[in-house]
C-alpha atoms as a PDB file:
ATOM      1  CA  UNK A   1     145.197 227.884 -28.636  1.00  0.00           C
ATOM      2  CA  UNK A   2     145.933 226.737 -25.052  1.00  0.00           C
ATOM      3  CA  UNK A   3     148.948 225.159 -23.600  1.00  0.00           C
ATOM      4  CA  UNK A   4     147.631 221.661 -24.322  1.00  0.00           C
ATOM      5  CA  UNK A   5     147.082 222.458 -28.011  1.00  0.00           C
ATOM      6  CA  UNK A   6     150.648 223.757 -28.404  1.00  0.00           C
ATOM      7  CA  UNK A   7     151.958 220.565 -26.873  1.00  0.00           C
ATOM      8  CA  UNK A   8     149.871 218.383 -29.264  1.00  0.00           C
ATOM      9  CA  UNK A   9     151.173 220.419 -32.213  1.00  0.00           C
ATOM     10  CA  UNK A  10     154.740 220.100 -31.046  1.00  0.00           C
ATOM     11  CA  UNK A  11     154.362 216.328 -30.581  1.00  0.00           C
ATOM     12  CA  UNK A  12     152.720 215.937 -34.030  1.00  0.00           C
ATOM     13  CA  UNK A  13     155.469 218.100 -35.665  1.00  0.00           C
ATOM     14  CA  UNK A  14     158.213 215.939 -34.044  1.00  0.00           C
ATOM     15  CA  UNK A  15     156.451 212.697 -35.315  1.00  0.00           C
ATOM     16  CA  UNK A  16     156.303 214.115 -38.942  1.00  0.00           C
ATOM     17  CA  UNK A  17     159.898 215.260 -38.769  1.00  0.00           C
ATOM     18  CA  UNK A  18     161.094 212.045 -37.419  1.00  0.00           C
ATOM     19  CA  UNK A  19     159.207 210.209 -40.253  1.00  0.00           C
ATOM     20  CA  UNK A  20     160.875 212.458 -42.889  1.00  0.00           C
ATOM     21  CA  UNK A  21     164.299 211.667 -41.579  1.00  0.00           C
ATOM     22  CA  UNK A  22     163.579 207.998 -41.397  1.00  0.00           C
ATOM     23  CA  UNK A  23     162.457 207.928 -45.050  1.00  0.00           C
ATOM     24  CA  UNK A  24     165.474 209.890 -46.172  1.00  0.00           C
ATOM     25  CA  UNK A  25     167.910 207.655 -44.363  1.00  0.00           C
ATOM     26  CA  UNK A  26     166.224 204.432 -45.372  1.00  0.00           C
ATOM     27  CA  UNK A  27     168.448 202.038 -47.266  1.00  0.00           C
ATOM     28  CA  UNK A  28     165.515 201.424 -49.718  1.00  0.00           C
ATOM     29  CA  UNK A  29     165.091 205.081 -50.469  1.00  0.00           C
ATOM     30  CA  UNK A  30     166.647 206.757 -53.507  1.00  0.00           C
ATOM     31  CA  UNK A  31     167.535 210.048 -51.655  1.00  0.00           C
ATOM     32  CA  UNK A  32     170.384 211.009 -54.054  1.00  0.00           C
ATOM     33  CA  UNK A  33     168.079 210.531 -57.099  1.00  0.00           C
ATOM     34  CA  UNK A  34     165.292 212.572 -55.513  1.00  0.00           C
ATOM     35  CA  UNK A  35     167.634 215.293 -54.492  1.00  0.00           C
ATOM     36  CA  UNK A  36     169.324 215.291 -57.932  1.00  0.00           C
ATOM     37  CA  UNK A  37     165.852 215.522 -59.710  1.00  0.00           C
ATOM     38  CA  UNK A  38     164.839 218.388 -57.405  1.00  0.00           C
ATOM     39  CA  UNK A  39     168.042 220.227 -58.148  1.00  0.00           C
ATOM     40  CA  UNK A  40     167.698 219.697 -61.854  1.00  0.00           C
ATOM     41  CA  UNK A  41     164.123 220.936 -61.836  1.00  0.00           C
ATOM     42  CA  UNK A  42     165.192 223.976 -59.785  1.00  0.00           C
ATOM     43  CA  UNK A  43     168.036 224.658 -62.358  1.00  0.00           C
ATOM     44  CA  UNK A  44     165.542 224.347 -65.240  1.00  0.00           C
ATOM     45  CA  UNK A  45     163.095 226.827 -63.532  1.00  0.00           C
ATOM     46  CA  UNK A  46     165.895 229.274 -62.882  1.00  0.00           C
ATOM     47  CA  UNK A  47     167.284 228.889 -66.381  1.00  0.00           C
ATOM     48  CA  UNK A  48     163.780 229.477 -67.963  1.00  0.00           C
ATOM     49  CA  UNK A  49     163.220 232.520 -65.678  1.00  0.00           C
ATOM     50  CA  UNK A  50     166.507 234.133 -66.554  1.00  0.00           C
ATOM     51  CA  UNK A  51     166.523 233.312 -70.292  1.00  0.00           C
ATOM     52  CA  UNK A  52     164.942 236.639 -71.306  1.00  0.00           C
ATOM     53  CA  UNK A  53     167.872 238.381 -69.580  1.00  0.00           C
ATOM     54  CA  UNK A  54     170.699 236.063 -70.509  1.00  0.00           C
ATOM     55  CA  UNK A  55     169.585 235.173 -73.947  1.00  0.00           C
ATOM     56  CA  UNK A  56     170.053 231.443 -73.230  1.00  0.00           C
ATOM     57  CA  UNK A  57     167.415 228.876 -74.313  1.00  0.00           C
ATOM     58  CA  UNK A  58     165.294 227.290 -71.613  1.00  0.00           C
ATOM     59  CA  UNK A  59     166.701 224.105 -70.187  1.00  0.00           C
ATOM     60  CA  UNK A  60     164.905 221.500 -72.432  1.00  0.00           C
ATOM     61  CA  UNK A  61     167.125 218.502 -72.825  1.00  0.00           C
ATOM     62  CA  UNK A  62     166.169 217.637 -76.323  1.00  0.00           C
ATOM     63  CA  UNK A  63     166.374 221.210 -77.458  1.00  0.00           C
ATOM     64  CA  UNK A  64     169.705 221.652 -75.812  1.00  0.00           C
ATOM     65  CA  UNK A  65     171.193 218.612 -77.680  1.00  0.00           C
ATOM     66  CA  UNK A  66     169.896 219.998 -80.946  1.00  0.00           C
ATOM     67  CA  UNK A  67     171.321 223.394 -80.420  1.00  0.00           C
ATOM     68  CA  UNK A  68     174.656 222.089 -79.249  1.00  0.00           C
ATOM     69  CA  UNK A  69     175.020 219.861 -82.290  1.00  0.00           C
ATOM     70  CA  UNK A  70     174.281 222.739 -84.680  1.00  0.00           C
ATOM     71  CA  UNK A  71     170.885 221.424 -85.676  1.00  0.00           C
ATOM     72  CA  UNK A  72     167.476 222.307 -84.344  1.00  0.00           C
ATOM     73  CA  UNK A  73     166.678 225.984 -84.350  1.00  0.00           C
ATOM     74  CA  UNK A  74     169.698 226.951 -86.487  1.00  0.00           C
ATOM     75  CA  UNK A  75     172.414 226.051 -84.017  1.00  0.00           C
ATOM     76  CA  UNK A  76     173.757 228.164 -81.268  1.00  0.00           C
ATOM     77  CA  UNK A  77     175.517 228.200 -78.008  1.00  0.00           C
ATOM     78  CA  UNK A  78     173.920 227.679 -74.595  1.00  0.00           C
ATOM     79  CA  UNK A  79     176.109 229.122 -71.782  1.00  0.00           C
ATOM     80  CA  UNK A  80     176.825 226.593 -69.081  1.00  0.00           C
ATOM     81  CA  UNK A  81     175.727 223.551 -70.968  1.00  0.00           C
ATOM     82  CA  UNK A  82     178.273 220.958 -72.050  1.00  0.00           C
ATOM     83  CA  UNK A  83     177.232 217.999 -74.047  1.00  0.00           C
END
């Protein structure tokens, strides 16, 4: 790729980056909701991946409530979950 190709890629990358920032900062966007959902999804993936080691049940909301209330799969304790 020549010097011209690199310049075009740099300009296009800048436009895409600026567009992402504009969407995130828009007053009509739900940035906090999107980031919260992404964080929750990541937390559930990590919880599911580490459950064989920690002995904790995977982060499924309905299952967690059942376990925390003593119902569901015979009751139990899920570390780090309050409810």
